[in-house]
Amino acid sequence: MEENENQISFEERNAEKGYVVLSIVGDLVMWSLPAAKEKIQELLDQNKTKVVIDLEKTNYIDSSGLGFFIGTLKKLKGVGGDMLLINLNTYIYGIFQLIHLHEIIDIYDNLEEASKNFKD
């Protein structure tokens, strides 16, 4: 296993209506999950509760990664926040459809489409 194979990083930028865009760079798997959860907690600690997660730079998600999205959505909604996903590749979107996660989590093609659905 290569040293950086399980590394994950994040890029954060602000969007309109108080939303923050969090790009996940790398695969969301069991090994990278603690860093992702820590990043979400960091956002919550800064009162950033409206999050758009950009998966353009994520190629693969395992079952623990899928659980991360459900847990994050619950956590954000629990404090009056919101979560949207953008830029899913065909493989990841296929998994979301297979387990009907696209019925629970709002998914958009890009930030422009998502921003039309930002709640104040």
PDB file of N, CA and C in Angstrom:
ATOM      1  N   MET A   1       0.843  -1.184   0.000  1.00  0.00           N
ATOM      2  CA  MET A   1       0.000   0.000   0.000  1.00  0.00           C
ATOM      3  C   MET A   1       0.886   1.245   0.000  1.00  0.00           C
ATOM      4  N   GLU A   2       0.627   2.116  -0.917  1.00  0.00           N
ATOM      5  CA  GLU A   2       1.408   3.350  -0.983  1.00  0.00           C
ATOM      6  C   GLU A   2       1.078   4.243   0.199  1.00  0.00           C
ATOM      7  N   GLU A   3       2.058   5.032   0.596  1.00  0.00           N
ATOM      8  CA  GLU A   3       1.915   5.874   1.779  1.00  0.00           C
ATOM      9  C   GLU A   3       0.753   6.855   1.679  1.00  0.00           C
ATOM     10  N   ASN A   4       0.558   7.467   0.521  1.00  0.00           N
ATOM     11  CA  ASN A   4      -0.478   8.492   0.411  1.00  0.00           C
ATOM     12  C   ASN A   4      -1.793   7.960  -0.141  1.00  0.00           C
ATOM     13  N   GLU A   5      -1.914   6.666  -0.264  1.00  0.00           N
ATOM     14  CA  GLU A   5      -3.107   6.067  -0.858  1.00  0.00           C
ATOM     15  C   GLU A   5      -4.382   6.404  -0.091  1.00  0.00           C
ATOM     16  N   ASN A   6      -4.280   6.475   1.225  1.00  0.00           N
ATOM     17  CA  ASN A   6      -5.471   6.721   2.028  1.00  0.00           C
ATOM     18  C   ASN A   6      -5.558   8.152   2.534  1.00  0.00           C
ATOM     19  N   GLN A   7      -4.788   9.038   1.940  1.00  0.00           N
ATOM     20  CA  GLN A   7      -4.840  10.423   2.389  1.00  0.00           C
ATOM     21  C   GLN A   7      -6.033  11.136   1.771  1.00  0.00           C
ATOM     22  N   ILE A   8      -6.514  12.071   2.539  1.00  0.00           N
ATOM     23  CA  ILE A   8      -7.655  12.858   2.091  1.00  0.00           C
ATOM     24  C   ILE A   8      -7.375  14.298   2.507  1.00  0.00           C
ATOM     25  N   SER A   9      -7.824  15.223   1.687  1.00  0.00           N
ATOM     26  CA  SER A   9      -7.669  16.627   2.063  1.00  0.00           C
ATOM     27  C   SER A   9      -8.942  17.366   1.687  1.00  0.00           C
ATOM     28  N   PHE A  10      -9.010  18.612   2.117  1.00  0.00           N
ATOM     29  CA  PHE A  10     -10.240  19.382   1.935  1.00  0.00           C
ATOM     30  C   PHE A  10      -9.917  20.770   1.429  1.00  0.00           C
ATOM     31  N   GLU A  11     -10.812  21.297   0.623  1.00  0.00           N
ATOM     32  CA  GLU A  11     -10.722  22.679   0.167  1.00  0.00           C
ATOM     33  C   GLU A  11     -12.040  23.323   0.563  1.00  0.00           C
ATOM     34  N   GLU A  12     -11.940  24.462   1.217  1.00  0.00           N
ATOM     35  CA  GLU A  12     -13.142  25.125   1.720  1.00  0.00           C
ATOM     36  C   GLU A  12     -13.262  26.505   1.106  1.00  0.00           C
ATOM     37  N   ARG A  13     -14.477  26.843   0.662  1.00  0.00           N
ATOM     38  CA  ARG A  13     -14.717  28.194   0.162  1.00  0.00           C
ATOM     39  C   ARG A  13     -16.154  28.574   0.482  1.00  0.00           C
ATOM     40  N   ASN A  14     -16.406  29.843   0.581  1.00  0.00           N
ATOM     41  CA  ASN A  14     -17.745  30.308   0.910  1.00  0.00           C
ATOM     42  C   ASN A  14     -18.601  30.424  -0.341  1.00  0.00           C
ATOM     43  N   ALA A  15     -19.875  30.171  -0.164  1.00  0.00           N
ATOM     44  CA  ALA A  15     -20.853  30.336  -1.238  1.00  0.00           C
ATOM     45  C   ALA A  15     -21.878  31.348  -0.740  1.00  0.00           C
ATOM     46  N   GLU A  16     -22.967  31.510  -1.477  1.00  0.00           N
ATOM     47  CA  GLU A  16     -23.970  32.496  -1.068  1.00  0.00           C
ATOM     48  C   GLU A  16     -24.890  31.943   0.028  1.00  0.00           C
ATOM     49  N   LYS A  17     -25.679  32.823   0.622  1.00  0.00           N
ATOM     50  CA  LYS A  17     -26.672  32.506   1.656  1.00  0.00           C
ATOM     51  C   LYS A  17     -26.082  31.743   2.839  1.00  0.00           C
ATOM     52  N   GLY A  18     -24.827  32.006   3.164  1.00  0.00           N
ATOM     53  CA  GLY A  18     -24.217  31.392   4.338  1.00  0.00           C
ATOM     54  C   GLY A  18     -23.727  29.963   4.145  1.00  0.00           C
ATOM     55  N   TYR A  19     -23.783  29.488   2.935  1.00  0.00           N
ATOM     56  CA  TYR A  19     -23.304  28.129   2.670  1.00  0.00           C
ATOM     57  C   TYR A  19     -21.787  28.126   2.508  1.00  0.00           C
ATOM     58  N   VAL A  20     -21.183  27.011   2.894  1.00  0.00           N
ATOM     59  CA  VAL A  20     -19.757  26.814   2.682  1.00  0.00           C
ATOM     60  C   VAL A  20     -19.623  25.591   1.767  1.00  0.00           C
ATOM     61  N   VAL A  21     -18.706  25.682   0.805  1.00  0.00           N
ATOM     62  CA  VAL A  21     -18.458  24.561  -0.097  1.00  0.00           C
ATOM     63  C   VAL A  21     -17.225  23.827   0.411  1.00  0.00           C
ATOM     64  N   LEU A  22     -17.392  22.542   0.670  1.00  0.00           N
ATOM     65  CA  LEU A  22     -16.295  21.711   1.146  1.00  0.00           C
ATOM     66  C   LEU A  22     -15.983  20.681   0.074  1.00  0.00           C
ATOM     67  N   SER A  23     -14.828  20.837  -0.569  1.00  0.00           N
ATOM     68  CA  SER A  23     -14.398  19.865  -1.571  1.00  0.00           C
ATOM     69  C   SER A  23     -13.604  18.774  -0.874  1.00  0.00           C
ATOM     70  N   ILE A  24     -13.975  17.541  -1.127  1.00  0.00           N
ATOM     71  CA  ILE A  24     -13.227  16.402  -0.591  1.00  0.00           C
ATOM     72  C   ILE A  24     -12.280  15.931  -1.686  1.00  0.00           C
ATOM     73  N   VAL A  25     -10.992  15.963  -1.381  1.00  0.00           N
ATOM     74  CA  VAL A  25      -9.974  15.565  -2.347  1.00  0.00           C
ATOM     75  C   VAL A  25      -9.414  14.224  -1.896  1.00  0.00           C
ATOM     76  N   GLY A  26      -9.787  13.179  -2.593  1.00  0.00           N
ATOM     77  CA  GLY A  26      -9.363  11.833  -2.230  1.00  0.00           C
ATOM     78  C   GLY A  26     -10.579  10.952  -2.006  1.00  0.00           C
ATOM     79  N   ASP A  27     -10.330   9.686  -1.759  1.00  0.00           N
ATOM     80  CA  ASP A  27     -11.417   8.728  -1.584  1.00  0.00           C
ATOM     81  C   ASP A  27     -11.936   8.741  -0.157  1.00  0.00           C
ATOM     82  N   LEU A  28     -13.233   8.603  -0.029  1.00  0.00           N
ATOM     83  CA  LEU A  28     -13.875   8.601   1.280  1.00  0.00           C
ATOM     84  C   LEU A  28     -14.101   7.142   1.686  1.00  0.00           C
ATOM     85  N   VAL A  29     -13.131   6.620   2.416  1.00  0.00           N
ATOM     86  CA  VAL A  29     -13.155   5.215   2.836  1.00  0.00           C
ATOM     87  C   VAL A  29     -12.889   5.138   4.336  1.00  0.00           C
ATOM     88  N   MET A  30     -12.987   3.938   4.858  1.00  0.00           N
ATOM     89  CA  MET A  30     -12.853   3.750   6.303  1.00  0.00           C
ATOM     90  C   MET A  30     -11.615   4.457   6.872  1.00  0.00           C
ATOM     91  N   TRP A  31     -10.497   4.402   6.172  1.00  0.00           N
ATOM     92  CA  TRP A  31      -9.248   4.968   6.684  1.00  0.00           C
ATOM     93  C   TRP A  31      -9.241   6.489   6.676  1.00  0.00           C
ATOM     94  N   SER A  32      -9.965   7.090   5.755  1.00  0.00           N
ATOM     95  CA  SER A  32      -9.955   8.556   5.653  1.00  0.00           C
ATOM     96  C   SER A  32     -11.120   9.193   6.410  1.00  0.00           C
ATOM     97  N   LEU A  33     -12.034   8.373   6.892  1.00  0.00           N
ATOM     98  CA  LEU A  33     -13.229   8.863   7.560  1.00  0.00           C
ATOM     99  C   LEU A  33     -12.971   9.739   8.788  1.00  0.00           C
ATOM    100  N   PRO A  34     -12.036   9.367   9.671  1.00  0.00           N
ATOM    101  CA  PRO A  34     -11.801  10.225  10.847  1.00  0.00           C
ATOM    102  C   PRO A  34     -11.458  11.670  10.470  1.00  0.00           C
ATOM    103  N   ALA A  35     -10.667  11.859   9.425  1.00  0.00           N
ATOM    104  CA  ALA A  35     -10.306  13.215   8.986  1.00  0.00           C
ATOM    105  C   ALA A  35     -11.531  13.956   8.471  1.00  0.00           C
ATOM    106  N   ALA A  36     -12.406  13.265   7.749  1.00  0.00           N
ATOM    107  CA  ALA A  36     -13.620  13.884   7.209  1.00  0.00           C
ATOM    108  C   ALA A  36     -14.565  14.291   8.343  1.00  0.00           C
ATOM    109  N   LYS A  37     -14.718  13.407   9.323  1.00  0.00           N
ATOM    110  CA  LYS A  37     -15.591  13.718  10.467  1.00  0.00           C
ATOM    111  C   LYS A  37     -15.030  14.902  11.258  1.00  0.00           C
ATOM    112  N   GLU A  38     -13.721  14.927  11.397  1.00  0.00           N
ATOM    113  CA  GLU A  38     -13.059  16.019  12.113  1.00  0.00           C
ATOM    114  C   GLU A  38     -13.294  17.348  11.390  1.00  0.00           C
ATOM    115  N   LYS A  39     -13.233  17.317  10.059  1.00  0.00           N
ATOM    116  CA  LYS A  39     -13.442  18.530   9.262  1.00  0.00           C
ATOM    117  C   LYS A  39     -14.875  19.046   9.426  1.00  0.00           C
ATOM    118  N   ILE A  40     -15.850  18.154   9.424  1.00  0.00           N
ATOM    119  CA  ILE A  40     -17.249  18.553   9.618  1.00  0.00           C
ATOM    120  C   ILE A  40     -17.416  19.161  11.006  1.00  0.00           C
ATOM    121  N   GLN A  41     -16.798  18.556  12.010  1.00  0.00           N
ATOM    122  CA  GLN A  41     -16.894  19.083  13.367  1.00  0.00           C
ATOM    123  C   GLN A  41     -16.270  20.474  13.455  1.00  0.00           C
ATOM    124  N   GLU A  42     -15.166  20.661  12.730  1.00  0.00           N
ATOM    125  CA  GLU A  42     -14.505  21.976  12.656  1.00  0.00           C
ATOM    126  C   GLU A  42     -15.480  23.025  12.118  1.00  0.00           C
ATOM    127  N   LEU A  43     -16.200  22.676  11.057  1.00  0.00           N
ATOM    128  CA  LEU A  43     -17.180  23.597  10.474  1.00  0.00           C
ATOM    129  C   LEU A  43     -18.278  23.912  11.483  1.00  0.00           C
ATOM    130  N   LEU A  44     -18.766  22.882  12.166  1.00  0.00           N
ATOM    131  CA  LEU A  44     -19.810  23.087  13.171  1.00  0.00           C
ATOM    132  C   LEU A  44     -19.316  23.992  14.295  1.00  0.00           C
ATOM    133  N   ASP A  45     -18.076  23.791  14.711  1.00  0.00           N
ATOM    134  CA  ASP A  45     -17.499  24.615  15.772  1.00  0.00           C
ATOM    135  C   ASP A  45     -17.418  26.085  15.365  1.00  0.00           C
ATOM    136  N   GLN A  46     -17.360  26.330  14.045  1.00  0.00           N
ATOM    137  CA  GLN A  46     -17.308  27.701  13.521  1.00  0.00           C
ATOM    138  C   GLN A  46     -18.713  28.193  13.141  1.00  0.00           C
ATOM    139  N   ASN A  47     -19.730  27.455  13.567  1.00  0.00           N
ATOM    140  CA  ASN A  47     -21.127  27.766  13.239  1.00  0.00           C
ATOM    141  C   ASN A  47     -21.407  27.767  11.745  1.00  0.00           C
ATOM    142  N   LYS A  48     -20.669  26.970  11.014  1.00  0.00           N
ATOM    143  CA  LYS A  48     -20.930  26.786   9.582  1.00  0.00           C
ATOM    144  C   LYS A  48     -21.755  25.516   9.458  1.00  0.00           C
ATOM    145  N   THR A  49     -23.068  25.698   9.365  1.00  0.00           N
ATOM    146  CA  THR A  49     -23.967  24.546   9.401  1.00  0.00           C
ATOM    147  C   THR A  49     -24.663  24.269   8.067  1.00  0.00           C
ATOM    148  N   LYS A  50     -24.410  25.116   7.079  1.00  0.00           N
ATOM    149  CA  LYS A  50     -24.969  24.888   5.746  1.00  0.00           C
ATOM    150  C   LYS A  50     -23.799  24.523   4.829  1.00  0.00           C
ATOM    151  N   VAL A  51     -23.746  23.248   4.445  1.00  0.00           N
ATOM    152  CA  VAL A  51     -22.568  22.733   3.760  1.00  0.00           C
ATOM    153  C   VAL A  51     -22.929  22.117   2.420  1.00  0.00           C
ATOM    154  N   VAL A  52     -22.193  22.512   1.397  1.00  0.00           N
ATOM    155  CA  VAL A  52     -22.264  21.865   0.093  1.00  0.00           C
ATOM    156  C   VAL A  52     -20.993  21.032  -0.015  1.00  0.00           C
ATOM    157  N   ILE A  53     -21.155  19.722  -0.138  1.00  0.00           N
ATOM    158  CA  ILE A  53     -19.981  18.861  -0.271  1.00  0.00           C
ATOM    159  C   ILE A  53     -19.764  18.584  -1.745  1.00  0.00           C
ATOM    160  N   ASP A  54     -18.588  19.000  -2.216  1.00  0.00           N
ATOM    161  CA  ASP A  54     -18.210  18.859  -3.624  1.00  0.00           C
ATOM    162  C   ASP A  54     -17.370  17.593  -3.770  1.00  0.00           C
ATOM    163  N   LEU A  55     -17.863  16.646  -4.573  1.00  0.00           N
ATOM    164  CA  LEU A  55     -17.173  15.364  -4.745  1.00  0.00           C
ATOM    165  C   LEU A  55     -16.475  15.247  -6.094  1.00  0.00           C
ATOM    166  N   GLU A  56     -16.210  16.380  -6.719  1.00  0.00           N
ATOM    167  CA  GLU A  56     -15.559  16.356  -8.029  1.00  0.00           C
ATOM    168  C   GLU A  56     -14.197  15.661  -7.979  1.00  0.00           C
ATOM    169  N   LYS A  57     -13.488  15.800  -6.855  1.00  0.00           N
ATOM    170  CA  LYS A  57     -12.141  15.232  -6.729  1.00  0.00           C
ATOM    171  C   LYS A  57     -12.150  13.957  -5.877  1.00  0.00           C
ATOM    172  N   THR A  58     -13.319  13.310  -5.803  1.00  0.00           N
ATOM    173  CA  THR A  58     -13.472  12.044  -5.085  1.00  0.00           C
ATOM    174  C   THR A  58     -13.882  10.984  -6.099  1.00  0.00           C
ATOM    175  N   ASN A  59     -13.091   9.919  -6.191  1.00  0.00           N
ATOM    176  CA  ASN A  59     -13.391   8.869  -7.168  1.00  0.00           C
ATOM    177  C   ASN A  59     -14.127   7.681  -6.584  1.00  0.00           C
ATOM    178  N   TYR A  60     -13.948   7.466  -5.275  1.00  0.00           N
ATOM    179  CA  TYR A  60     -14.478   6.243  -4.685  1.00  0.00           C
ATOM    180  C   TYR A  60     -14.974   6.502  -3.269  1.00  0.00           C
ATOM    181  N   ILE A  61     -16.075   5.847  -2.931  1.00  0.00           N
ATOM    182  CA  ILE A  61     -16.648   5.912  -1.585  1.00  0.00           C
ATOM    183  C   ILE A  61     -17.028   4.491  -1.197  1.00  0.00           C
ATOM    184  N   ASP A  62     -16.618   4.055  -0.002  1.00  0.00           N
ATOM    185  CA  ASP A  62     -17.052   2.732   0.453  1.00  0.00           C
ATOM    186  C   ASP A  62     -18.270   2.885   1.367  1.00  0.00           C
ATOM    187  N   SER A  63     -18.714   1.779   1.953  1.00  0.00           N
ATOM    188  CA  SER A  63     -19.945   1.822   2.756  1.00  0.00           C
ATOM    189  C   SER A  63     -19.805   2.747   3.969  1.00  0.00           C
ATOM    190  N   SER A  64     -18.614   2.833   4.542  1.00  0.00           N
ATOM    191  CA  SER A  64     -18.446   3.744   5.682  1.00  0.00           C
ATOM    192  C   SER A  64     -18.546   5.196   5.208  1.00  0.00           C
ATOM    193  N   GLY A  65     -18.120   5.461   3.990  1.00  0.00           N
ATOM    194  CA  GLY A  65     -18.250   6.793   3.409  1.00  0.00           C
ATOM    195  C   GLY A  65     -19.715   7.170   3.213  1.00  0.00           C
ATOM    196  N   LEU A  66     -20.523   6.197   2.804  1.00  0.00           N
ATOM    197  CA  LEU A  66     -21.960   6.446   2.656  1.00  0.00           C
ATOM    198  C   LEU A  66     -22.571   6.768   4.014  1.00  0.00           C
ATOM    199  N   GLY A  67     -22.145   6.049   5.040  1.00  0.00           N
ATOM    200  CA  GLY A  67     -22.627   6.316   6.401  1.00  0.00           C
ATOM    201  C   GLY A  67     -22.236   7.703   6.865  1.00  0.00           C
ATOM    202  N   PHE A  68     -21.064   8.165   6.418  1.00  0.00           N
ATOM    203  CA  PHE A  68     -20.596   9.512   6.757  1.00  0.00           C
ATOM    204  C   PHE A  68     -21.601  10.561   6.289  1.00  0.00           C
ATOM    205  N   PHE A  69     -22.130  10.397   5.077  1.00  0.00           N
ATOM    206  CA  PHE A  69     -23.081  11.377   4.542  1.00  0.00           C
ATOM    207  C   PHE A  69     -24.383  11.385   5.338  1.00  0.00           C
ATOM    208  N   ILE A  70     -24.857  10.212   5.719  1.00  0.00           N
ATOM    209  CA  ILE A  70     -26.090  10.139   6.503  1.00  0.00           C
ATOM    210  C   ILE A  70     -25.878  10.789   7.868  1.00  0.00           C
ATOM    211  N   GLY A  71     -24.763  10.449   8.512  1.00  0.00           N
ATOM    212  CA  GLY A  71     -24.457  11.018   9.825  1.00  0.00           C
ATOM    213  C   GLY A  71     -24.269  12.518   9.779  1.00  0.00           C
ATOM    214  N   THR A  72     -23.596  12.991   8.737  1.00  0.00           N
ATOM    215  CA  THR A  72     -23.351  14.430   8.589  1.00  0.00           C
ATOM    216  C   THR A  72     -24.660  15.171   8.354  1.00  0.00           C
ATOM    217  N   LEU A  73     -25.521  14.617   7.511  1.00  0.00           N
ATOM    218  CA  LEU A  73     -26.819  15.243   7.253  1.00  0.00           C
ATOM    219  C   LEU A  73     -27.624  15.356   8.549  1.00  0.00           C
ATOM    220  N   LYS A  74     -27.660  14.277   9.325  1.00  0.00           N
ATOM    221  CA  LYS A  74     -28.392  14.293  10.603  1.00  0.00           C
ATOM    222  C   LYS A  74     -27.815  15.343  11.547  1.00  0.00           C
ATOM    223  N   LYS A  75     -26.495  15.387  11.615  1.00  0.00           N
ATOM    224  CA  LYS A  75     -25.816  16.321  12.517  1.00  0.00           C
ATOM    225  C   LYS A  75     -26.128  17.768  12.120  1.00  0.00           C
ATOM    226  N   LEU A  76     -26.050  18.076  10.833  1.00  0.00           N
ATOM    227  CA  LEU A  76     -26.304  19.439  10.355  1.00  0.00           C
ATOM    228  C   LEU A  76     -27.777  19.823  10.513  1.00  0.00           C
ATOM    229  N   LYS A  77     -28.667  18.919  10.153  1.00  0.00           N
ATOM    230  CA  LYS A  77     -30.108  19.203  10.292  1.00  0.00           C
ATOM    231  C   LYS A  77     -30.461  19.395  11.766  1.00  0.00           C
ATOM    232  N   GLY A  78     -29.774  18.668  12.639  1.00  0.00           N
ATOM    233  CA  GLY A  78     -30.015  18.745  14.072  1.00  0.00           C
ATOM    234  C   GLY A  78     -29.724  20.110  14.666  1.00  0.00           C
ATOM    235  N   VAL A  79     -28.882  20.890  13.976  1.00  0.00           N
ATOM    236  CA  VAL A  79     -28.569  22.247  14.456  1.00  0.00           C
ATOM    237  C   VAL A  79     -29.142  23.299  13.500  1.00  0.00           C
ATOM    238  N   GLY A  80     -30.147  22.898  12.726  1.00  0.00           N
ATOM    239  CA  GLY A  80     -30.811  23.838  11.821  1.00  0.00           C
ATOM    240  C   GLY A  80     -30.064  24.092  10.536  1.00  0.00           C
ATOM    241  N   GLY A  81     -29.123  23.230  10.221  1.00  0.00           N
ATOM    242  CA  GLY A  81     -28.324  23.399   9.007  1.00  0.00           C
ATOM    243  C   GLY A  81     -28.858  22.597   7.844  1.00  0.00           C
ATOM    244  N   ASP A  82     -28.008  22.409   6.849  1.00  0.00           N
ATOM    245  CA  ASP A  82     -28.402  21.726   5.628  1.00  0.00           C
ATOM    246  C   ASP A  82     -27.159  21.164   4.956  1.00  0.00           C
ATOM    247  N   MET A  83     -27.340  20.150   4.128  1.00  0.00           N
ATOM    248  CA  MET A  83     -26.229  19.586   3.360  1.00  0.00           C
ATOM    249  C   MET A  83     -26.705  19.234   1.958  1.00  0.00           C
ATOM    250  N   LEU A  84     -25.940  19.644   0.983  1.00  0.00           N
ATOM    251  CA  LEU A  84     -26.191  19.299  -0.412  1.00  0.00           C
ATOM    252  C   LEU A  84     -24.922  18.675  -0.964  1.00  0.00           C
ATOM    253  N   LEU A  85     -25.055  17.818  -1.958  1.00  0.00           N
ATOM    254  CA  LEU A  85     -23.892  17.231  -2.619  1.00  0.00           C
ATOM    255  C   LEU A  85     -23.857  17.672  -4.072  1.00  0.00           C
ATOM    256  N   ILE A  86     -22.657  17.923  -4.573  1.00  0.00           N
ATOM    257  CA  ILE A  86     -22.503  18.300  -5.985  1.00  0.00           C
ATOM    258  C   ILE A  86     -21.358  17.515  -6.620  1.00  0.00           C
ATOM    259  N   ASN A  87     -21.385  17.458  -7.939  1.00  0.00           N
ATOM    260  CA  ASN A  87     -20.304  16.896  -8.753  1.00  0.00           C
ATOM    261  C   ASN A  87     -19.976  15.439  -8.448  1.00  0.00           C
ATOM    262  N   LEU A  88     -21.007  14.592  -8.301  1.00  0.00           N
ATOM    263  CA  LEU A  88     -20.773  13.166  -8.101  1.00  0.00           C
ATOM    264  C   LEU A  88     -20.433  12.526  -9.438  1.00  0.00           C
ATOM    265  N   ASN A  89     -19.455  11.631  -9.444  1.00  0.00           N
ATOM    266  CA  ASN A  89     -19.178  10.921 -10.692  1.00  0.00           C
ATOM    267  C   ASN A  89     -20.241   9.836 -10.891  1.00  0.00           C
ATOM    268  N   THR A  90     -20.260   9.225 -12.052  1.00  0.00           N
ATOM    269  CA  THR A  90     -21.290   8.252 -12.404  1.00  0.00           C
ATOM    270  C   THR A  90     -21.297   7.078 -11.435  1.00  0.00           C
ATOM    271  N   TYR A  91     -20.122   6.624 -11.046  1.00  0.00           N
ATOM    272  CA  TYR A  91     -20.002   5.485 -10.131  1.00  0.00           C
ATOM    273  C   TYR A  91     -20.625   5.800  -8.771  1.00  0.00           C
ATOM    274  N   ILE A  92     -20.243   6.925  -8.200  1.00  0.00           N
ATOM    275  CA  ILE A  92     -20.754   7.299  -6.873  1.00  0.00           C
ATOM    276  C   ILE A  92     -22.262   7.559  -6.936  1.00  0.00           C
ATOM    277  N   TYR A  93     -22.709   8.256  -7.964  1.00  0.00           N
ATOM    278  CA  TYR A  93     -24.144   8.515  -8.091  1.00  0.00           C
ATOM    279  C   TYR A  93     -24.920   7.203  -8.232  1.00  0.00           C
ATOM    280  N   GLY A  94     -24.342   6.251  -8.952  1.00  0.00           N
ATOM    281  CA  GLY A  94     -24.966   4.938  -9.123  1.00  0.00           C
ATOM    282  C   GLY A  94     -25.178   4.243  -7.788  1.00  0.00           C
ATOM    283  N   ILE A  95     -24.193   4.332  -6.903  1.00  0.00           N
ATOM    284  CA  ILE A  95     -24.314   3.742  -5.565  1.00  0.00           C
ATOM    285  C   ILE A  95     -25.418   4.451  -4.782  1.00  0.00           C
ATOM    286  N   PHE A  96     -25.442   5.787  -4.856  1.00  0.00           N
ATOM    287  CA  PHE A  96     -26.490   6.547  -4.160  1.00  0.00           C
ATOM    288  C   PHE A  96     -27.875   6.110  -4.641  1.00  0.00           C
ATOM    289  N   GLN A  97     -28.017   5.889  -5.950  1.00  0.00           N
ATOM    290  CA  GLN A  97     -29.306   5.452  -6.492  1.00  0.00           C
ATOM    291  C   GLN A  97     -29.647   4.040  -6.032  1.00  0.00           C
ATOM    292  N   LEU A  98     -28.651   3.173  -6.041  1.00  0.00           N
ATOM    293  CA  LEU A  98     -28.841   1.777  -5.669  1.00  0.00           C
ATOM    294  C   LEU A  98     -29.411   1.637  -4.269  1.00  0.00           C
ATOM    295  N   ILE A  99     -28.942   2.447  -3.341  1.00  0.00           N
ATOM    296  CA  ILE A  99     -29.427   2.341  -1.961  1.00  0.00           C
ATOM    297  C   ILE A  99     -30.420   3.471  -1.613  1.00  0.00           C
ATOM    298  N   HIS A 100     -30.881   4.162  -2.652  1.00  0.00           N
ATOM    299  CA  HIS A 100     -31.907   5.212  -2.517  1.00  0.00           C
ATOM    300  C   HIS A 100     -31.458   6.394  -1.651  1.00  0.00           C
ATOM    301  N   LEU A 101     -30.167   6.617  -1.570  1.00  0.00           N
ATOM    302  CA  LEU A 101     -29.656   7.734  -0.782  1.00  0.00           C
ATOM    303  C   LEU A 101     -29.963   9.068  -1.457  1.00  0.00           C
ATOM    304  N   HIS A 102     -30.134   9.040  -2.773  1.00  0.00           N
ATOM    305  CA  HIS A 102     -30.478  10.260  -3.509  1.00  0.00           C
ATOM    306  C   HIS A 102     -31.877  10.760  -3.159  1.00  0.00           C
ATOM    307  N   GLU A 103     -32.671   9.920  -2.489  1.00  0.00           N
ATOM    308  CA  GLU A 103     -34.006  10.337  -2.049  1.00  0.00           C
ATOM    309  C   GLU A 103     -33.945  11.050  -0.692  1.00  0.00           C
ATOM    310  N   ILE A 104     -32.837  10.883   0.006  1.00  0.00           N
ATOM    311  CA  ILE A 104     -32.658  11.462   1.342  1.00  0.00           C
ATOM    312  C   ILE A 104     -31.766  12.706   1.290  1.00  0.00           C
ATOM    313  N   ILE A 105     -30.756  12.634   0.437  1.00  0.00           N
ATOM    314  CA  ILE A 105     -29.772  13.716   0.339  1.00  0.00           C
ATOM    315  C   ILE A 105     -29.957  14.433  -1.003  1.00  0.00           C
ATOM    316  N   ASP A 106     -29.996  15.764  -0.965  1.00  0.00           N
ATOM    317  CA  ASP A 106     -30.139  16.548  -2.196  1.00  0.00           C
ATOM    318  C   ASP A 106     -28.826  16.537  -2.968  1.00  0.00           C
ATOM    319  N   ILE A 107     -28.909  16.126  -4.230  1.00  0.00           N
ATOM    320  CA  ILE A 107     -27.733  16.011  -5.091  1.00  0.00           C
ATOM    321  C   ILE A 107     -27.936  16.873  -6.329  1.00  0.00           C
ATOM    322  N   TYR A 108     -26.912  17.636  -6.670  1.00  0.00           N
ATOM    323  CA  TYR A 108     -26.975  18.510  -7.846  1.00  0.00           C
ATOM    324  C   TYR A 108     -25.737  18.308  -8.711  1.00  0.00           C
ATOM    325  N   ASP A 109     -25.878  18.680  -9.981  1.00  0.00           N
ATOM    326  CA  ASP A 109     -24.771  18.517 -10.924  1.00  0.00           C
ATOM    327  C   ASP A 109     -23.595  19.421 -10.598  1.00  0.00           C
ATOM    328  N   ASN A 110     -23.908  20.637 -10.127  1.00  0.00           N
ATOM    329  CA  ASN A 110     -22.834  21.605  -9.874  1.00  0.00           C
ATOM    330  C   ASN A 110     -23.312  22.656  -8.873  1.00  0.00           C
ATOM    331  N   LEU A 111     -22.409  23.552  -8.506  1.00  0.00           N
ATOM    332  CA  LEU A 111     -22.730  24.566  -7.502  1.00  0.00           C
ATOM    333  C   LEU A 111     -23.824  25.511  -7.979  1.00  0.00           C
ATOM    334  N   GLU A 112     -23.810  25.830  -9.249  1.00  0.00           N
ATOM    335  CA  GLU A 112     -24.827  26.740  -9.797  1.00  0.00           C
ATOM    336  C   GLU A 112     -26.230  26.155  -9.595  1.00  0.00           C
ATOM    337  N   GLU A 113     -26.390  24.860  -9.885  1.00  0.00           N
ATOM    338  CA  GLU A 113     -27.689  24.198  -9.696  1.00  0.00           C
ATOM    339  C   GLU A 113     -28.043  24.133  -8.216  1.00  0.00           C
ATOM    340  N   ALA A 114     -27.069  23.803  -7.384  1.00  0.00           N
ATOM    341  CA  ALA A 114     -27.318  23.686  -5.943  1.00  0.00           C
ATOM    342  C   ALA A 114     -27.725  25.022  -5.356  1.00  0.00           C
ATOM    343  N   SER A 115     -27.078  26.092  -5.805  1.00  0.00           N
ATOM    344  CA  SER A 115     -27.334  27.403  -5.216  1.00  0.00           C
ATOM    345  C   SER A 115     -28.776  27.866  -5.448  1.00  0.00           C
ATOM    346  N   LYS A 116     -29.420  27.355  -6.472  1.00  0.00           N
ATOM    347  CA  LYS A 116     -30.826  27.684  -6.727  1.00  0.00           C
ATOM    348  C   LYS A 116     -31.716  27.114  -5.626  1.00  0.00           C
ATOM    349  N   ASN A 117     -31.180  26.153  -4.885  1.00  0.00           N
ATOM    350  CA  ASN A 117     -31.967  25.485  -3.838  1.00  0.00           C
ATOM    351  C   ASN A 117     -31.468  25.790  -2.435  1.00  0.00           C
ATOM    352  N   PHE A 118     -30.580  26.777  -2.324  1.00  0.00           N
ATOM    353  CA  PHE A 118     -30.104  27.181  -0.986  1.00  0.00           C
ATOM    354  C   PHE A 118     -31.271  27.753  -0.213  1.00  0.00           C
ATOM    355  N   LYS A 119     -31.374  27.331   1.039  1.00  0.00           N
ATOM    356  CA  LYS A 119     -32.414  27.883   1.922  1.00  0.00           C
ATOM    357  C   LYS A 119     -31.811  29.007   2.740  1.00  0.00           C
ATOM    358  N   ASP A 120     -32.590  30.047   2.948  1.00  0.00           N
ATOM    359  CA  ASP A 120     -32.099  31.165   3.777  1.00  0.00           C
ATOM    360  C   ASP A 120     -31.988  30.754   5.227  1.00  0.00           C
TER     361      ASP A 120
END
